[in-house]
């Protein structure tokens, strides 16, 4: 008889646990060691890319793994948003809004997939918004959106401490952290638009399920 698999010990889930440890260390030093905090935060994001590839390569995709991955992503962004609200008090309300939008849109998407009987929250309907469909069906787009979004947050964090080393720009110069923040801002903005679309689309899909059930 085949031995029962231990989902908790799947290779991609072990990477997921490592991400949690790395993020805990990052947020432990985040107030005093920006270099280490940023390195560890972005390392966690890199491992986020790797765990999906490992899961597919080893045939170890799982609902637990998908849940672990999403919860880690949401908690990481939430914790960094809290830090940014402390560092930039005049923008605290904005960071609270972004944090709320991120969590609510992904939770609604997850719940919508559950009530519609989908196997993954990344399975979007043909009728869903084209931006949302591209976001979840094109892996390169998903990686660029998520990576660019987290890079923007990380660079805004770094700007609290310094501009970074100066890069000549015509007759003037610009700090490296600020340059990366400017470069990643368009991706960050589009990601927030996608979050809004995701929230609205999920709400409509859940309402459609309600209507369908009431008509039975």
C-alpha atoms as a PDB file:
ATOM      1  CA  UNK A   1       0.000   0.000   0.000  1.00  0.00           C
ATOM      2  CA  UNK A   2       1.324   3.429  -0.935  1.00  0.00           C
ATOM      3  CA  UNK A   3       2.481   5.488   2.031  1.00  0.00           C
ATOM      4  CA  UNK A   4       0.266   8.466   2.792  1.00  0.00           C
ATOM      5  CA  UNK A   5       1.736  11.755   1.647  1.00  0.00           C
ATOM      6  CA  UNK A   6       2.374  14.502   4.171  1.00  0.00           C
ATOM      7  CA  UNK A   7       1.101  17.696   2.547  1.00  0.00           C
ATOM      8  CA  UNK A   8       2.784  19.797   5.238  1.00  0.00           C
ATOM      9  CA  UNK A   9       6.204  18.488   4.175  1.00  0.00           C
ATOM     10  CA  UNK A  10       5.837  19.134   0.441  1.00  0.00           C
ATOM     11  CA  UNK A  11       8.911  20.952  -0.895  1.00  0.00           C
ATOM     12  CA  UNK A  12       7.041  24.146  -1.902  1.00  0.00           C
ATOM     13  CA  UNK A  13       5.401  24.285   1.538  1.00  0.00           C
ATOM     14  CA  UNK A  14       8.825  23.992   3.196  1.00  0.00           C
ATOM     15  CA  UNK A  15       9.836  27.020   1.121  1.00  0.00           C
ATOM     16  CA  UNK A  16       6.683  28.715   2.389  1.00  0.00           C
ATOM     17  CA  UNK A  17       7.718  28.088   6.002  1.00  0.00           C
ATOM     18  CA  UNK A  18      11.177  29.478   5.223  1.00  0.00           C
ATOM     19  CA  UNK A  19       9.522  32.626   3.851  1.00  0.00           C
ATOM     20  CA  UNK A  20       7.665  33.122   7.128  1.00  0.00           C
ATOM     21  CA  UNK A  21      10.893  32.809   9.137  1.00  0.00           C
ATOM     22  CA  UNK A  22      12.697  35.215   6.782  1.00  0.00           C
ATOM     23  CA  UNK A  23       9.873  37.753   7.023  1.00  0.00           C
ATOM     24  CA  UNK A  24       9.808  37.515  10.823  1.00  0.00           C
ATOM     25  CA  UNK A  25      13.520  38.373  10.880  1.00  0.00           C
ATOM     26  CA  UNK A  26      12.973  41.179   8.359  1.00  0.00           C
ATOM     27  CA  UNK A  27      10.260  42.807  10.455  1.00  0.00           C
ATOM     28  CA  UNK A  28      12.282  42.308  13.637  1.00  0.00           C
ATOM     29  CA  UNK A  29      15.088  44.509  12.221  1.00  0.00           C
ATOM     30  CA  UNK A  30      12.948  46.764  10.035  1.00  0.00           C
ATOM     31  CA  UNK A  31      13.166  49.827  12.275  1.00  0.00           C
ATOM     32  CA  UNK A  32      16.945  49.830  12.591  1.00  0.00           C
ATOM     33  CA  UNK A  33      18.493  47.880   9.694  1.00  0.00           C
ATOM     34  CA  UNK A  34      16.922  48.982   6.398  1.00  0.00           C
ATOM     35  CA  UNK A  35      19.469  47.187   4.238  1.00  0.00           C
ATOM     36  CA  UNK A  36      18.938  43.813   5.869  1.00  0.00           C
ATOM     37  CA  UNK A  37      15.184  44.300   6.151  1.00  0.00           C
ATOM     38  CA  UNK A  38      14.849  45.116   2.447  1.00  0.00           C
ATOM     39  CA  UNK A  39      17.128  42.261   1.409  1.00  0.00           C
ATOM     40  CA  UNK A  40      15.166  39.745   3.475  1.00  0.00           C
ATOM     41  CA  UNK A  41      11.797  41.121   2.352  1.00  0.00           C
ATOM     42  CA  UNK A  42      12.737  40.882  -1.339  1.00  0.00           C
ATOM     43  CA  UNK A  43      14.333  37.459  -0.746  1.00  0.00           C
ATOM     44  CA  UNK A  44      10.966  36.284   0.517  1.00  0.00           C
ATOM     45  CA  UNK A  45       9.366  37.606  -2.667  1.00  0.00           C
ATOM     46  CA  UNK A  46      11.926  35.717  -4.757  1.00  0.00           C
ATOM     47  CA  UNK A  47      11.133  32.517  -2.862  1.00  0.00           C
ATOM     48  CA  UNK A  48       7.457  33.216  -3.568  1.00  0.00           C
ATOM     49  CA  UNK A  49       8.297  32.839  -7.254  1.00  0.00           C
ATOM     50  CA  UNK A  50      10.342  29.709  -6.647  1.00  0.00           C
ATOM     51  CA  UNK A  51       7.784  27.803  -4.576  1.00  0.00           C
ATOM     52  CA  UNK A  52       5.263  27.801  -7.414  1.00  0.00           C
ATOM     53  CA  UNK A  53       7.841  26.477  -9.860  1.00  0.00           C
ATOM     54  CA  UNK A  54       8.940  23.814  -7.383  1.00  0.00           C
ATOM     55  CA  UNK A  55       5.310  22.793  -6.790  1.00  0.00           C
ATOM     56  CA  UNK A  56       4.712  22.279 -10.503  1.00  0.00           C
ATOM     57  CA  UNK A  57       8.056  20.539 -11.087  1.00  0.00           C
ATOM     58  CA  UNK A  58       7.528  18.029  -8.250  1.00  0.00           C
ATOM     59  CA  UNK A  59       3.794  17.631  -8.813  1.00  0.00           C
ATOM     60  CA  UNK A  60       3.190  18.997  -5.318  1.00  0.00           C
ATOM     61  CA  UNK A  61       0.571  21.688  -5.881  1.00  0.00           C
ATOM     62  CA  UNK A  62      -1.934  21.756  -3.033  1.00  0.00           C
ATOM     63  CA  UNK A  63      -4.774  23.844  -1.652  1.00  0.00           C
ATOM     64  CA  UNK A  64      -2.846  24.165   1.605  1.00  0.00           C
ATOM     65  CA  UNK A  65       0.163  25.488  -0.300  1.00  0.00           C
ATOM     66  CA  UNK A  66      -1.946  28.030  -2.169  1.00  0.00           C
ATOM     67  CA  UNK A  67      -3.513  29.197   1.101  1.00  0.00           C
ATOM     68  CA  UNK A  68      -0.139  29.410   2.841  1.00  0.00           C
ATOM     69  CA  UNK A  69       1.274  31.386  -0.079  1.00  0.00           C
ATOM     70  CA  UNK A  70      -1.586  33.891  -0.165  1.00  0.00           C
ATOM     71  CA  UNK A  71      -1.681  34.403   3.598  1.00  0.00           C
ATOM     72  CA  UNK A  72       2.079  34.994   3.685  1.00  0.00           C
ATOM     73  CA  UNK A  73       1.832  37.515   0.839  1.00  0.00           C
ATOM     74  CA  UNK A  74      -1.046  39.410   2.421  1.00  0.00           C
ATOM     75  CA  UNK A  75       0.508  39.484   5.900  1.00  0.00           C
ATOM     76  CA  UNK A  76       3.871  40.649   4.512  1.00  0.00           C
ATOM     77  CA  UNK A  77       2.298  43.539   2.605  1.00  0.00           C
ATOM     78  CA  UNK A  78       0.118  44.426   5.603  1.00  0.00           C
ATOM     79  CA  UNK A  79       3.087  44.542   7.988  1.00  0.00           C
ATOM     80  CA  UNK A  80       5.144  46.689   5.619  1.00  0.00           C
ATOM     81  CA  UNK A  81       2.169  49.026   5.119  1.00  0.00           C
ATOM     82  CA  UNK A  82       1.938  49.470   8.892  1.00  0.00           C
ATOM     83  CA  UNK A  83       5.624  50.405   9.026  1.00  0.00           C
ATOM     84  CA  UNK A  84       5.189  52.874   6.160  1.00  0.00           C
ATOM     85  CA  UNK A  85       2.200  54.443   7.932  1.00  0.00           C
ATOM     86  CA  UNK A  86       4.462  54.991  10.953  1.00  0.00           C
ATOM     87  CA  UNK A  87       7.297  56.426   8.835  1.00  0.00           C
ATOM     88  CA  UNK A  88       4.984  58.644   6.761  1.00  0.00           C
ATOM     89  CA  UNK A  89       2.163  59.672   9.164  1.00  0.00           C
ATOM     90  CA  UNK A  90       0.695  62.189   6.716  1.00  0.00           C
ATOM     91  CA  UNK A  91       0.051  59.256   4.337  1.00  0.00           C
ATOM     92  CA  UNK A  92      -1.167  56.857   7.027  1.00  0.00           C
ATOM     93  CA  UNK A  93      -4.742  56.861   5.709  1.00  0.00           C
ATOM     94  CA  UNK A  94      -3.492  56.009   2.204  1.00  0.00           C
ATOM     95  CA  UNK A  95      -1.466  53.041   3.476  1.00  0.00           C
ATOM     96  CA  UNK A  96      -4.460  51.866   5.517  1.00  0.00           C
ATOM     97  CA  UNK A  97      -6.605  52.025   2.381  1.00  0.00           C
ATOM     98  CA  UNK A  98      -4.030  50.133   0.290  1.00  0.00           C
ATOM     99  CA  UNK A  99      -3.715  47.480   2.986  1.00  0.00           C
ATOM    100  CA  UNK A 100      -7.493  47.087   3.223  1.00  0.00           C
ATOM    101  CA  UNK A 101      -7.867  46.920  -0.549  1.00  0.00           C
ATOM    102  CA  UNK A 102      -5.159  44.275  -0.849  1.00  0.00           C
ATOM    103  CA  UNK A 103      -6.629  42.006   1.820  1.00  0.00           C
ATOM    104  CA  UNK A 104     -10.303  42.445   0.929  1.00  0.00           C
ATOM    105  CA  UNK A 105      -9.852  41.986  -2.834  1.00  0.00           C
ATOM    106  CA  UNK A 106      -7.852  38.779  -2.465  1.00  0.00           C
ATOM    107  CA  UNK A 107     -10.155  37.396   0.224  1.00  0.00           C
ATOM    108  CA  UNK A 108     -13.202  38.118  -1.945  1.00  0.00           C
ATOM    109  CA  UNK A 109     -11.517  36.483  -4.958  1.00  0.00           C
ATOM    110  CA  UNK A 110     -10.677  33.412  -2.863  1.00  0.00           C
ATOM    111  CA  UNK A 111     -14.223  33.141  -1.466  1.00  0.00           C
ATOM    112  CA  UNK A 112     -15.763  33.683  -4.902  1.00  0.00           C
ATOM    113  CA  UNK A 113     -13.692  30.804  -6.280  1.00  0.00           C
ATOM    114  CA  UNK A 114     -14.779  28.617  -3.362  1.00  0.00           C
ATOM    115  CA  UNK A 115     -18.530  29.203  -3.738  1.00  0.00           C
ATOM    116  CA  UNK A 116     -18.296  28.741  -7.522  1.00  0.00           C
ATOM    117  CA  UNK A 117     -16.526  25.411  -7.097  1.00  0.00           C
ATOM    118  CA  UNK A 118     -13.258  26.493  -8.704  1.00  0.00           C
ATOM    119  CA  UNK A 119     -10.099  24.567  -7.846  1.00  0.00           C
ATOM    120  CA  UNK A 120      -8.020  27.753  -7.602  1.00  0.00           C
ATOM    121  CA  UNK A 121      -8.616  31.482  -7.088  1.00  0.00           C
ATOM    122  CA  UNK A 122      -6.511  31.987 -10.234  1.00  0.00           C
ATOM    123  CA  UNK A 123      -9.158  30.304 -12.400  1.00  0.00           C
ATOM    124  CA  UNK A 124     -11.024  33.295 -13.801  1.00  0.00           C
ATOM    125  CA  UNK A 125     -14.221  33.089 -15.802  1.00  0.00           C
ATOM    126  CA  UNK A 126     -14.221  33.886 -19.521  1.00  0.00           C
ATOM    127  CA  UNK A 127     -16.604  36.762 -18.806  1.00  0.00           C
ATOM    128  CA  UNK A 128     -14.341  38.364 -16.197  1.00  0.00           C
ATOM    129  CA  UNK A 129     -12.474  41.611 -16.837  1.00  0.00           C
ATOM    130  CA  UNK A 130      -9.677  41.243 -19.394  1.00  0.00           C
ATOM    131  CA  UNK A 131      -7.076  42.830 -17.074  1.00  0.00           C
ATOM    132  CA  UNK A 132      -7.925  40.345 -14.333  1.00  0.00           C
ATOM    133  CA  UNK A 133      -7.873  37.476 -16.824  1.00  0.00           C
ATOM    134  CA  UNK A 134      -4.427  38.449 -18.137  1.00  0.00           C
ATOM    135  CA  UNK A 135      -3.165  38.978 -14.590  1.00  0.00           C
ATOM    136  CA  UNK A 136      -4.017  35.441 -13.511  1.00  0.00           C
ATOM    137  CA  UNK A 137      -3.477  33.516 -16.767  1.00  0.00           C
ATOM    138  CA  UNK A 138      -0.153  35.044 -17.856  1.00  0.00           C
ATOM    139  CA  UNK A 139       2.604  34.048 -15.456  1.00  0.00           C
ATOM    140  CA  UNK A 140       5.053  36.720 -16.731  1.00  0.00           C
ATOM    141  CA  UNK A 141       2.412  39.426 -16.156  1.00  0.00           C
ATOM    142  CA  UNK A 142       1.660  38.068 -12.678  1.00  0.00           C
ATOM    143  CA  UNK A 143       5.353  38.046 -11.750  1.00  0.00           C
ATOM    144  CA  UNK A 144       5.958  41.568 -13.065  1.00  0.00           C
ATOM    145  CA  UNK A 145       2.876  42.958 -11.306  1.00  0.00           C
ATOM    146  CA  UNK A 146       3.593  41.347  -7.945  1.00  0.00           C
ATOM    147  CA  UNK A 147       7.346  41.924  -8.093  1.00  0.00           C
ATOM    148  CA  UNK A 148       7.025  45.537  -9.190  1.00  0.00           C
ATOM    149  CA  UNK A 149       4.383  46.241  -6.558  1.00  0.00           C
ATOM    150  CA  UNK A 150       6.541  44.882  -3.727  1.00  0.00           C
ATOM    151  CA  UNK A 151       9.619  46.663  -5.094  1.00  0.00           C
ATOM    152  CA  UNK A 152       7.764  49.987  -4.937  1.00  0.00           C
ATOM    153  CA  UNK A 153       6.760  49.434  -1.304  1.00  0.00           C
ATOM    154  CA  UNK A 154      10.329  48.385  -0.443  1.00  0.00           C
ATOM    155  CA  UNK A 155      11.826  51.469  -2.093  1.00  0.00           C
ATOM    156  CA  UNK A 156       9.392  53.818  -0.345  1.00  0.00           C
ATOM    157  CA  UNK A 157      10.562  52.185   2.879  1.00  0.00           C
ATOM    158  CA  UNK A 158      14.232  52.721   1.935  1.00  0.00           C
ATOM    159  CA  UNK A 159      13.591  56.379   1.099  1.00  0.00           C
ATOM    160  CA  UNK A 160      12.746  56.980   4.740  1.00  0.00           C
ATOM    161  CA  UNK A 161      16.425  56.364   5.524  1.00  0.00           C
ATOM    162  CA  UNK A 162      18.248  57.681   2.434  1.00  0.00           C
ATOM    163  CA  UNK A 163      17.989  58.443  -1.267  1.00  0.00           C
ATOM    164  CA  UNK A 164      20.546  55.749  -2.117  1.00  0.00           C
ATOM    165  CA  UNK A 165      23.728  56.299  -4.063  1.00  0.00           C
ATOM    166  CA  UNK A 166      23.540  59.099  -6.608  1.00  0.00           C
ATOM    167  CA  UNK A 167      23.120  58.315 -10.306  1.00  0.00           C
ATOM    168  CA  UNK A 168      24.009  61.062 -12.841  1.00  0.00           C
ATOM    169  CA  UNK A 169      20.954  62.190 -14.764  1.00  0.00           C
ATOM    170  CA  UNK A 170      21.783  64.938 -17.241  1.00  0.00           C
ATOM    171  CA  UNK A 171      22.823  68.068 -15.402  1.00  0.00           C
ATOM    172  CA  UNK A 172      21.562  66.685 -12.081  1.00  0.00           C
ATOM    173  CA  UNK A 173      21.421  63.326 -10.323  1.00  0.00           C
ATOM    174  CA  UNK A 174      18.917  61.052  -8.621  1.00  0.00           C
ATOM    175  CA  UNK A 175      19.182  58.606  -5.739  1.00  0.00           C
ATOM    176  CA  UNK A 176      19.029  54.934  -6.688  1.00  0.00           C
ATOM    177  CA  UNK A 177      16.178  54.122  -4.277  1.00  0.00           C
ATOM    178  CA  UNK A 178      14.130  57.016  -5.651  1.00  0.00           C
ATOM    179  CA  UNK A 179      14.865  55.932  -9.222  1.00  0.00           C
ATOM    180  CA  UNK A 180      13.616  52.417  -8.481  1.00  0.00           C
ATOM    181  CA  UNK A 181      10.544  53.847  -6.748  1.00  0.00           C
ATOM    182  CA  UNK A 182       9.736  55.989  -9.793  1.00  0.00           C
ATOM    183  CA  UNK A 183      10.361  53.060 -12.164  1.00  0.00           C
ATOM    184  CA  UNK A 184       8.118  50.674 -10.216  1.00  0.00           C
ATOM    185  CA  UNK A 185       5.338  53.189  -9.488  1.00  0.00           C
ATOM    186  CA  UNK A 186       3.403  52.511 -12.753  1.00  0.00           C
ATOM    187  CA  UNK A 187       3.372  48.791 -11.924  1.00  0.00           C
ATOM    188  CA  UNK A 188       2.249  49.549  -8.365  1.00  0.00           C
ATOM    189  CA  UNK A 189      -0.571  51.760  -9.695  1.00  0.00           C
ATOM    190  CA  UNK A 190      -1.809  49.152 -12.192  1.00  0.00           C
ATOM    191  CA  UNK A 191      -1.693  46.527  -9.423  1.00  0.00           C
ATOM    192  CA  UNK A 192      -4.026  48.660  -7.285  1.00  0.00           C
ATOM    193  CA  UNK A 193      -6.394  49.056 -10.257  1.00  0.00           C
ATOM    194  CA  UNK A 194      -6.377  45.268 -10.652  1.00  0.00           C
ATOM    195  CA  UNK A 195      -7.159  44.892  -6.933  1.00  0.00           C
ATOM    196  CA  UNK A 196     -10.200  47.157  -7.332  1.00  0.00           C
ATOM    197  CA  UNK A 197     -11.357  45.209 -10.396  1.00  0.00           C
ATOM    198  CA  UNK A 198     -10.776  41.935  -8.534  1.00  0.00           C
ATOM    199  CA  UNK A 199     -12.899  43.097  -5.590  1.00  0.00           C
ATOM    200  CA  UNK A 200     -15.780  44.287  -7.795  1.00  0.00           C
ATOM    201  CA  UNK A 201     -15.667  41.186 -10.018  1.00  0.00           C
ATOM    202  CA  UNK A 202     -15.625  38.822  -7.030  1.00  0.00           C
ATOM    203  CA  UNK A 203     -18.564  40.661  -5.422  1.00  0.00           C
ATOM    204  CA  UNK A 204     -20.598  40.316  -8.630  1.00  0.00           C
ATOM    205  CA  UNK A 205     -19.735  36.624  -8.948  1.00  0.00           C
ATOM    206  CA  UNK A 206     -20.784  35.938  -5.355  1.00  0.00           C
ATOM    207  CA  UNK A 207     -24.034  37.850  -5.941  1.00  0.00           C
ATOM    208  CA  UNK A 208     -24.642  35.773  -9.087  1.00  0.00           C
ATOM    209  CA  UNK A 209     -24.297  32.609  -7.006  1.00  0.00           C
ATOM    210  CA  UNK A 210     -26.839  34.029  -4.543  1.00  0.00           C
ATOM    211  CA  UNK A 211     -29.300  34.764  -7.359  1.00  0.00           C
ATOM    212  CA  UNK A 212     -28.814  31.310  -8.837  1.00  0.00           C
ATOM    213  CA  UNK A 213     -29.493  29.628  -5.496  1.00  0.00           C
ATOM    214  CA  UNK A 214     -32.594  31.773  -4.834  1.00  0.00           C
ATOM    215  CA  UNK A 215     -34.076  30.742  -8.178  1.00  0.00           C
ATOM    216  CA  UNK A 216     -33.874  27.049  -7.391  1.00  0.00           C
END
